[in-house]
């Protein structure tokens, strides 16, 4: 029986990582088609990564003015022609993801800080007015309450009349 020496494992293939494709291009001669296909795939991967980040971004949902305000702070158009609120929110998420991927996170953070500074807490305050103002407000309230009571009585009377009429018609 003939003994052969053990086979050595071939070196492990490592896919290029963020710019590693250039080093591979220097070592290997690849066709223009292959290079273009690789670039298309890299762009598709970047687009997929951007969409995933956009979906994971915290974007305001409760009111449209906060979305518009954030778009304004980031220097983008507030509303595009024919754009609805849902599309505007998606555009904001994509913009935020693009800034995050592009390394402009500091600009994004500055926009957040400006938002926090703009949202000052408003406290309710009370100032006493002149006695005449208080009396005028009391008179207005009394007048309004009397008219509301008359309106409620009229509505109840109409409802009772309709009930009586229906009872007489049915019997």
Protein backbone atom coordinates (compact mmCIF):
# COMPACT_ATOMS: atom_id res chain seq x y z
CA UNK A 1 0.00 0.00 0.00
CA UNK A 2 1.31 3.38 -1.00
CA UNK A 3 1.08 6.16 1.49
CA UNK A 4 0.59 9.65 0.15
CA UNK A 5 1.44 12.72 2.15
CA UNK A 6 -1.61 14.46 3.63
CA UNK A 7 -3.14 17.09 1.44
CA UNK A 8 -2.73 20.64 2.62
CA UNK A 9 -5.86 22.73 2.82
CA UNK A 10 -6.05 25.52 0.30
CA UNK A 11 -5.97 29.01 1.80
CA UNK A 12 -9.41 30.15 2.90
CA UNK A 13 -11.12 32.52 0.50
CA UNK A 14 -12.19 35.74 2.16
CA UNK A 15 -14.60 37.98 0.30
CA UNK A 16 -13.45 41.58 -0.12
CA UNK A 17 -14.52 43.93 2.67
CA UNK A 18 -15.38 47.58 1.93
CA UNK A 19 -12.89 48.51 -0.70
CA UNK A 20 -11.07 45.20 -0.74
CA UNK A 21 -12.24 44.73 -4.31
CA UNK A 22 -9.56 47.18 -5.46
CA UNK A 23 -6.81 45.01 -4.00
CA UNK A 24 -8.26 41.97 -5.75
CA UNK A 25 -8.39 43.85 -9.03
CA UNK A 26 -4.68 44.53 -8.76
CA UNK A 27 -3.83 40.86 -8.26
CA UNK A 28 -6.24 39.38 -10.76
CA UNK A 29 -7.13 40.45 -14.21
CA UNK A 30 -10.90 40.50 -14.42
CA UNK A 31 -13.10 41.36 -17.33
CA UNK A 32 -14.96 44.64 -17.56
CA UNK A 33 -18.25 42.74 -17.27
CA UNK A 34 -17.18 41.15 -14.00
CA UNK A 35 -16.04 44.48 -12.60
CA UNK A 36 -19.36 46.11 -13.53
CA UNK A 37 -21.32 43.20 -12.04
CA UNK A 38 -19.33 43.52 -8.82
CA UNK A 39 -19.99 47.27 -8.70
CA UNK A 40 -23.72 46.70 -9.31
CA UNK A 41 -23.80 44.16 -6.51
CA UNK A 42 -21.95 46.54 -4.18
CA UNK A 43 -24.43 49.33 -4.98
CA UNK A 44 -27.35 46.94 -4.39
CA UNK A 45 -25.87 45.91 -1.03
CA UNK A 46 -25.40 49.57 -0.04
CA UNK A 47 -29.01 50.30 -1.04
CA UNK A 48 -30.25 47.33 0.99
CA UNK A 49 -28.21 48.46 3.99
CA UNK A 50 -29.58 51.99 3.64
CA UNK A 51 -33.17 50.68 3.48
CA UNK A 52 -32.63 48.52 6.57
CA UNK A 53 -31.23 51.49 8.47
CA UNK A 54 -34.07 53.70 7.26
CA UNK A 55 -36.59 51.16 8.56
CA UNK A 56 -34.80 51.05 11.91
CA UNK A 57 -34.61 54.86 12.29
CA UNK A 58 -36.86 56.53 14.81
CA UNK A 59 -38.96 58.92 12.74
CA UNK A 60 -41.80 60.98 14.23
CA UNK A 61 -45.23 59.59 13.45
CA UNK A 62 -47.67 61.52 15.58
CA UNK A 63 -47.97 64.74 13.61
CA UNK A 64 -46.89 66.05 10.26
CA UNK A 65 -45.39 69.28 11.58
CA UNK A 66 -42.64 67.41 13.43
CA UNK A 67 -41.70 65.53 10.23
CA UNK A 68 -41.65 68.81 8.30
CA UNK A 69 -39.62 70.46 11.04
CA UNK A 70 -37.03 67.71 11.01
CA UNK A 71 -36.80 67.85 7.20
CA UNK A 72 -36.30 71.61 7.47
CA UNK A 73 -33.55 71.17 10.07
CA UNK A 74 -31.76 68.64 7.89
CA UNK A 75 -31.85 71.04 4.94
CA UNK A 76 -34.19 69.02 2.73
CA UNK A 77 -37.37 70.10 0.95
CA UNK A 78 -40.32 70.15 3.33
CA UNK A 79 -42.87 68.88 0.81
CA UNK A 80 -42.41 67.60 -2.71
CA UNK A 81 -45.13 68.05 -5.31
CA UNK A 82 -47.95 65.56 -4.76
CA UNK A 83 -46.29 64.04 -1.70
CA UNK A 84 -48.50 62.70 1.09
CA UNK A 85 -47.64 62.44 4.78
CA UNK A 86 -46.69 58.77 4.56
CA UNK A 87 -44.31 59.43 1.66
CA UNK A 88 -42.83 62.45 3.45
CA UNK A 89 -42.13 60.31 6.51
CA UNK A 90 -40.48 57.62 4.36
CA UNK A 91 -38.34 60.28 2.67
CA UNK A 92 -37.25 61.57 6.07
CA UNK A 93 -36.29 58.06 7.16
CA UNK A 94 -34.24 57.58 3.98
CA UNK A 95 -32.52 60.94 4.44
CA UNK A 96 -31.63 60.13 8.03
CA UNK A 97 -30.26 56.73 7.01
CA UNK A 98 -28.22 58.31 4.20
CA UNK A 99 -26.72 60.81 6.63
CA UNK A 100 -25.96 58.02 9.08
CA UNK A 101 -24.25 55.86 6.46
CA UNK A 102 -22.41 58.82 4.94
CA UNK A 103 -20.74 59.57 8.26
CA UNK A 104 -22.62 62.82 8.72
CA UNK A 105 -24.02 61.68 12.02
CA UNK A 106 -22.80 64.87 13.70
CA UNK A 107 -25.06 66.89 11.40
CA UNK A 108 -27.92 64.59 12.36
CA UNK A 109 -27.16 64.97 16.06
CA UNK A 110 -26.96 68.76 15.70
CA UNK A 111 -30.43 68.70 14.17
CA UNK A 112 -31.68 66.71 17.17
CA UNK A 113 -30.08 69.18 19.59
CA UNK A 114 -31.68 72.12 17.78
CA UNK A 115 -35.04 70.39 18.07
CA UNK A 116 -34.60 69.94 21.81
CA UNK A 117 -33.59 73.60 22.21
CA UNK A 118 -36.58 74.74 20.16
CA UNK A 119 -39.03 72.76 22.27
CA UNK A 120 -39.03 74.92 25.35
CA UNK A 121 -41.43 73.89 28.06
CA UNK A 122 -44.33 76.32 28.22
CA UNK A 123 -45.70 76.90 31.68
CA UNK A 124 -49.21 78.13 32.34
CA UNK A 125 -49.20 81.42 34.17
CA UNK A 126 -51.93 83.47 35.74
CA UNK A 127 -52.16 87.24 36.01
CA UNK A 128 -54.96 89.02 37.77
CA UNK A 129 -56.85 91.45 35.60
CA UNK A 130 -58.90 94.44 36.69
CA UNK A 131 -62.13 93.92 38.63
CA UNK A 132 -64.20 95.12 35.64
CA UNK A 133 -62.77 92.33 33.47
CA UNK A 134 -63.74 89.72 36.05
CA UNK A 135 -67.27 91.11 36.31
CA UNK A 136 -67.66 91.18 32.52
CA UNK A 137 -66.55 87.55 32.27
CA UNK A 138 -69.03 86.54 34.99
CA UNK A 139 -71.86 88.34 33.15
CA UNK A 140 -70.93 86.60 29.88
CA UNK A 141 -70.86 83.21 31.63
CA UNK A 142 -74.27 83.77 33.24
CA UNK A 143 -75.79 84.81 29.91
CA UNK A 144 -74.25 81.81 28.14
CA UNK A 145 -75.41 79.35 30.82
CA UNK A 146 -79.00 80.66 30.67
CA UNK A 147 -79.10 80.28 26.87
CA UNK A 148 -77.61 76.78 27.08
CA UNK A 149 -80.26 75.76 29.64
CA UNK A 150 -83.04 77.02 27.35
CA UNK A 151 -81.50 75.13 24.41
CA UNK A 152 -81.34 71.89 26.44
CA UNK A 153 -84.98 72.27 27.60
CA UNK A 154 -86.11 72.84 24.01
CA UNK A 155 -84.25 69.72 22.84
CA UNK A 156 -85.76 67.62 25.64
CA UNK A 157 -89.26 68.90 24.81
CA UNK A 158 -88.81 68.00 21.13
CA UNK A 159 -87.60 64.54 22.07
CA UNK A 160 -90.55 64.01 24.44
CA UNK A 161 -93.00 65.28 21.81
CA UNK A 162 -91.61 62.83 19.25
CA UNK A 163 -91.88 59.96 21.73
CA UNK A 164 -95.52 60.92 22.54
CA UNK A 165 -96.36 61.22 18.83
CA UNK A 166 -94.86 57.81 18.04
CA UNK A 167 -96.74 56.25 20.97
CA UNK A 168 -100.06 57.69 19.74
CA UNK A 169 -99.44 56.59 16.14
CA UNK A 170 -98.52 53.03 17.11
CA UNK A 171 -101.59 52.49 19.35
